[in-house]
């Protein structure tokens, strides 16, 4: 069985909504610097924050690549 589901980075999801980092951060209830750290994979959201990300971007956790700078 292969995993054909496409994954998106947080940057791709945000840009797909045509939101600035500031707008997305406000919707997620975090500072824009926190969102920047998530987008650059220098810090990661808690599971509660991941659930909120799922809701805000309308995508399941399995569709989000939280390690955009790394290969898995």
N, C-alpha and C. Protein backbone atom coordinates (compact mmCIF):
# COMPACT_ATOMS: atom_id res chain seq x y z
N UNK A 1 0.85 -1.18 0.00
CA UNK A 1 0.00 0.00 0.00
C UNK A 1 0.89 1.25 0.00
N UNK A 2 0.59 2.18 -0.87
CA UNK A 2 1.38 3.40 -0.92
C UNK A 2 0.58 4.56 -0.37
N UNK A 3 1.31 5.53 0.14
CA UNK A 3 0.66 6.72 0.68
C UNK A 3 0.68 7.79 -0.41
N UNK A 4 -0.46 7.98 -1.07
CA UNK A 4 -0.55 8.94 -2.17
C UNK A 4 -1.07 10.30 -1.72
N UNK A 5 -1.30 10.46 -0.42
CA UNK A 5 -1.83 11.73 0.06
C UNK A 5 -0.74 12.80 0.01
N UNK A 6 -1.06 13.91 -0.58
CA UNK A 6 -0.13 15.03 -0.66
C UNK A 6 -0.07 15.73 0.69
N UNK A 7 1.11 16.16 1.07
CA UNK A 7 1.26 16.93 2.30
C UNK A 7 1.69 18.35 1.93
N UNK A 8 1.35 19.26 2.81
CA UNK A 8 1.64 20.67 2.60
C UNK A 8 2.37 21.23 3.80
N UNK A 9 3.27 22.15 3.55
CA UNK A 9 3.94 22.83 4.65
C UNK A 9 2.99 23.91 5.19
N UNK A 10 3.31 24.41 6.36
CA UNK A 10 2.50 25.49 6.93
C UNK A 10 2.54 26.73 6.04
N UNK A 11 3.67 26.98 5.41
CA UNK A 11 3.79 28.13 4.51
C UNK A 11 2.85 27.94 3.31
N UNK A 12 2.86 26.75 2.73
CA UNK A 12 1.98 26.48 1.58
C UNK A 12 0.51 26.64 1.97
N UNK A 13 0.15 26.14 3.14
CA UNK A 13 -1.23 26.26 3.59
C UNK A 13 -1.62 27.72 3.78
N UNK A 14 -0.74 28.48 4.41
CA UNK A 14 -1.03 29.90 4.66
C UNK A 14 -1.13 30.66 3.34
N UNK A 15 -0.19 30.44 2.45
CA UNK A 15 -0.22 31.15 1.17
C UNK A 15 -1.41 30.73 0.32
N UNK A 16 -1.85 29.47 0.47
CA UNK A 16 -3.03 29.00 -0.24
C UNK A 16 -4.29 29.75 0.18
N UNK A 17 -4.30 30.21 1.42
CA UNK A 17 -5.42 31.01 1.93
C UNK A 17 -5.22 32.50 1.65
N UNK A 18 -4.05 32.84 1.10
CA UNK A 18 -3.67 34.23 0.82
C UNK A 18 -3.66 35.08 2.08
N UNK A 19 -3.14 34.48 3.16
CA UNK A 19 -3.03 35.18 4.43
C UNK A 19 -1.59 35.61 4.65
N UNK A 20 -1.43 36.75 5.29
CA UNK A 20 -0.09 37.14 5.74
C UNK A 20 0.23 36.29 6.96
N UNK A 21 1.48 36.30 7.35
CA UNK A 21 1.86 35.58 8.56
C UNK A 21 1.12 36.15 9.77
N UNK A 22 0.97 37.45 9.79
CA UNK A 22 0.28 38.11 10.91
C UNK A 22 -1.19 37.67 10.97
N UNK A 23 -1.85 37.61 9.81
CA UNK A 23 -3.26 37.18 9.77
C UNK A 23 -3.42 35.73 10.22
N UNK A 24 -2.55 34.86 9.73
CA UNK A 24 -2.62 33.45 10.10
C UNK A 24 -2.33 33.26 11.59
N UNK A 25 -1.34 33.97 12.09
CA UNK A 25 -0.99 33.87 13.51
C UNK A 25 -2.18 34.28 14.39
N UNK A 26 -2.87 35.35 13.98
CA UNK A 26 -4.03 35.80 14.75
C UNK A 26 -5.12 34.73 14.77
N UNK A 27 -5.37 34.10 13.62
CA UNK A 27 -6.39 33.04 13.55
C UNK A 27 -6.01 31.84 14.39
N UNK A 28 -4.69 31.61 14.53
CA UNK A 28 -4.19 30.47 15.31
C UNK A 28 -3.97 30.82 16.78
N UNK A 29 -4.11 32.10 17.12
CA UNK A 29 -3.96 32.51 18.51
C UNK A 29 -2.53 32.50 19.01
N UNK A 30 -1.59 32.73 18.09
CA UNK A 30 -0.17 32.79 18.46
C UNK A 30 0.44 34.06 17.89
N UNK A 31 1.65 34.37 18.32
CA UNK A 31 2.34 35.54 17.78
C UNK A 31 2.87 35.20 16.38
N UNK A 32 3.12 36.24 15.59
CA UNK A 32 3.67 35.98 14.27
C UNK A 32 5.08 35.39 14.37
N UNK A 33 5.81 35.70 15.44
CA UNK A 33 7.14 35.09 15.58
C UNK A 33 7.03 33.59 15.88
N UNK A 34 6.01 33.20 16.64
CA UNK A 34 5.79 31.77 16.90
C UNK A 34 5.44 31.05 15.60
N UNK A 35 4.55 31.63 14.82
CA UNK A 35 4.18 31.02 13.54
C UNK A 35 5.41 30.92 12.64
N UNK A 36 6.23 31.93 12.62
CA UNK A 36 7.45 31.91 11.81
C UNK A 36 8.35 30.74 12.22
N UNK A 37 8.48 30.52 13.52
CA UNK A 37 9.30 29.40 14.01
C UNK A 37 8.71 28.07 13.57
N UNK A 38 7.38 27.95 13.61
CA UNK A 38 6.74 26.72 13.13
C UNK A 38 6.99 26.54 11.65
N UNK A 39 6.84 27.61 10.88
CA UNK A 39 7.00 27.53 9.43
C UNK A 39 8.44 27.20 9.03
N UNK A 40 9.39 27.60 9.86
CA UNK A 40 10.80 27.33 9.57
C UNK A 40 11.32 26.09 10.29
N UNK A 41 10.43 25.39 10.97
CA UNK A 41 10.76 24.15 11.68
C UNK A 41 11.87 24.33 12.71
N UNK A 42 11.86 25.50 13.39
CA UNK A 42 12.80 25.69 14.49
C UNK A 42 12.10 25.44 15.83
N UNK A 43 10.78 25.50 15.83
CA UNK A 43 9.94 25.13 16.97
C UNK A 43 8.71 24.43 16.40
N UNK A 44 8.01 23.68 17.24
CA UNK A 44 6.85 22.93 16.77
C UNK A 44 5.65 23.16 17.66
N UNK A 45 4.45 23.11 17.08
CA UNK A 45 3.24 23.32 17.87
C UNK A 45 2.95 22.13 18.78
N UNK A 46 2.24 22.40 19.87
CA UNK A 46 1.77 21.33 20.75
C UNK A 46 0.63 20.61 20.04
N UNK A 47 0.22 19.47 20.56
CA UNK A 47 -0.87 18.72 19.93
C UNK A 47 -2.16 19.55 19.92
N UNK A 48 -2.42 20.30 20.98
CA UNK A 48 -3.61 21.16 20.99
C UNK A 48 -3.54 22.20 19.88
N UNK A 49 -2.35 22.73 19.66
CA UNK A 49 -2.17 23.72 18.59
C UNK A 49 -2.30 23.06 17.22
N UNK A 50 -1.84 21.82 17.10
CA UNK A 50 -1.99 21.09 15.83
C UNK A 50 -3.47 20.90 15.51
N UNK A 51 -4.27 20.59 16.52
CA UNK A 51 -5.72 20.43 16.29
C UNK A 51 -6.32 21.74 15.80
N UNK A 52 -5.86 22.85 16.35
CA UNK A 52 -6.35 24.15 15.90
C UNK A 52 -5.89 24.43 14.46
N UNK A 53 -4.66 24.07 14.15
CA UNK A 53 -4.15 24.23 12.78
C UNK A 53 -5.02 23.44 11.80
N UNK A 54 -5.38 22.21 12.19
CA UNK A 54 -6.27 21.39 11.35
C UNK A 54 -7.57 22.13 11.07
N UNK A 55 -8.15 22.71 12.11
CA UNK A 55 -9.42 23.41 11.97
C UNK A 55 -9.28 24.67 11.12
N UNK A 56 -8.27 25.47 11.39
CA UNK A 56 -8.09 26.74 10.70
C UNK A 56 -7.80 26.53 9.21
N UNK A 57 -6.96 25.54 8.90
CA UNK A 57 -6.60 25.30 7.51
C UNK A 57 -7.48 24.23 6.85
N UNK A 58 -8.37 23.62 7.62
CA UNK A 58 -9.29 22.60 7.10
C UNK A 58 -8.55 21.46 6.40
N UNK A 59 -7.60 20.90 7.14
CA UNK A 59 -6.80 19.79 6.61
C UNK A 59 -6.43 18.87 7.78
N UNK A 60 -6.43 17.55 7.56
CA UNK A 60 -6.05 16.66 8.66
C UNK A 60 -4.55 16.74 8.95
N UNK A 61 -4.18 16.40 10.15
CA UNK A 61 -2.78 16.43 10.58
C UNK A 61 -1.90 15.65 9.60
N UNK A 62 -2.40 14.55 9.08
CA UNK A 62 -1.62 13.72 8.15
C UNK A 62 -1.31 14.44 6.85
N UNK A 63 -2.00 15.54 6.57
CA UNK A 63 -1.75 16.30 5.35
C UNK A 63 -0.81 17.47 5.55
N UNK A 64 -0.26 17.60 6.76
CA UNK A 64 0.62 18.73 7.07
C UNK A 64 2.04 18.22 7.28
N UNK A 65 2.99 18.83 6.58
CA UNK A 65 4.40 18.50 6.74
C UNK A 65 5.02 19.53 7.69
N UNK A 66 5.27 19.11 8.92
CA UNK A 66 5.84 20.01 9.92
C UNK A 66 7.37 20.08 9.84
N UNK A 67 7.97 19.29 8.94
CA UNK A 67 9.43 19.25 8.80
C UNK A 67 9.82 19.66 7.39
N UNK A 68 9.49 20.85 6.95
CA UNK A 68 9.72 21.23 5.55
C UNK A 68 11.17 21.28 5.12
N UNK A 69 12.08 21.44 6.07
CA UNK A 69 13.50 21.54 5.71
C UNK A 69 14.23 20.22 5.81
N UNK A 70 13.50 19.17 6.14
CA UNK A 70 14.13 17.87 6.36
C UNK A 70 13.49 16.81 5.47
N UNK A 71 14.24 15.80 5.17
CA UNK A 71 13.67 14.66 4.49
C UNK A 71 13.40 13.59 5.53
N UNK A 72 12.32 12.89 5.36
CA UNK A 72 11.93 11.89 6.36
C UNK A 72 12.14 10.52 5.77
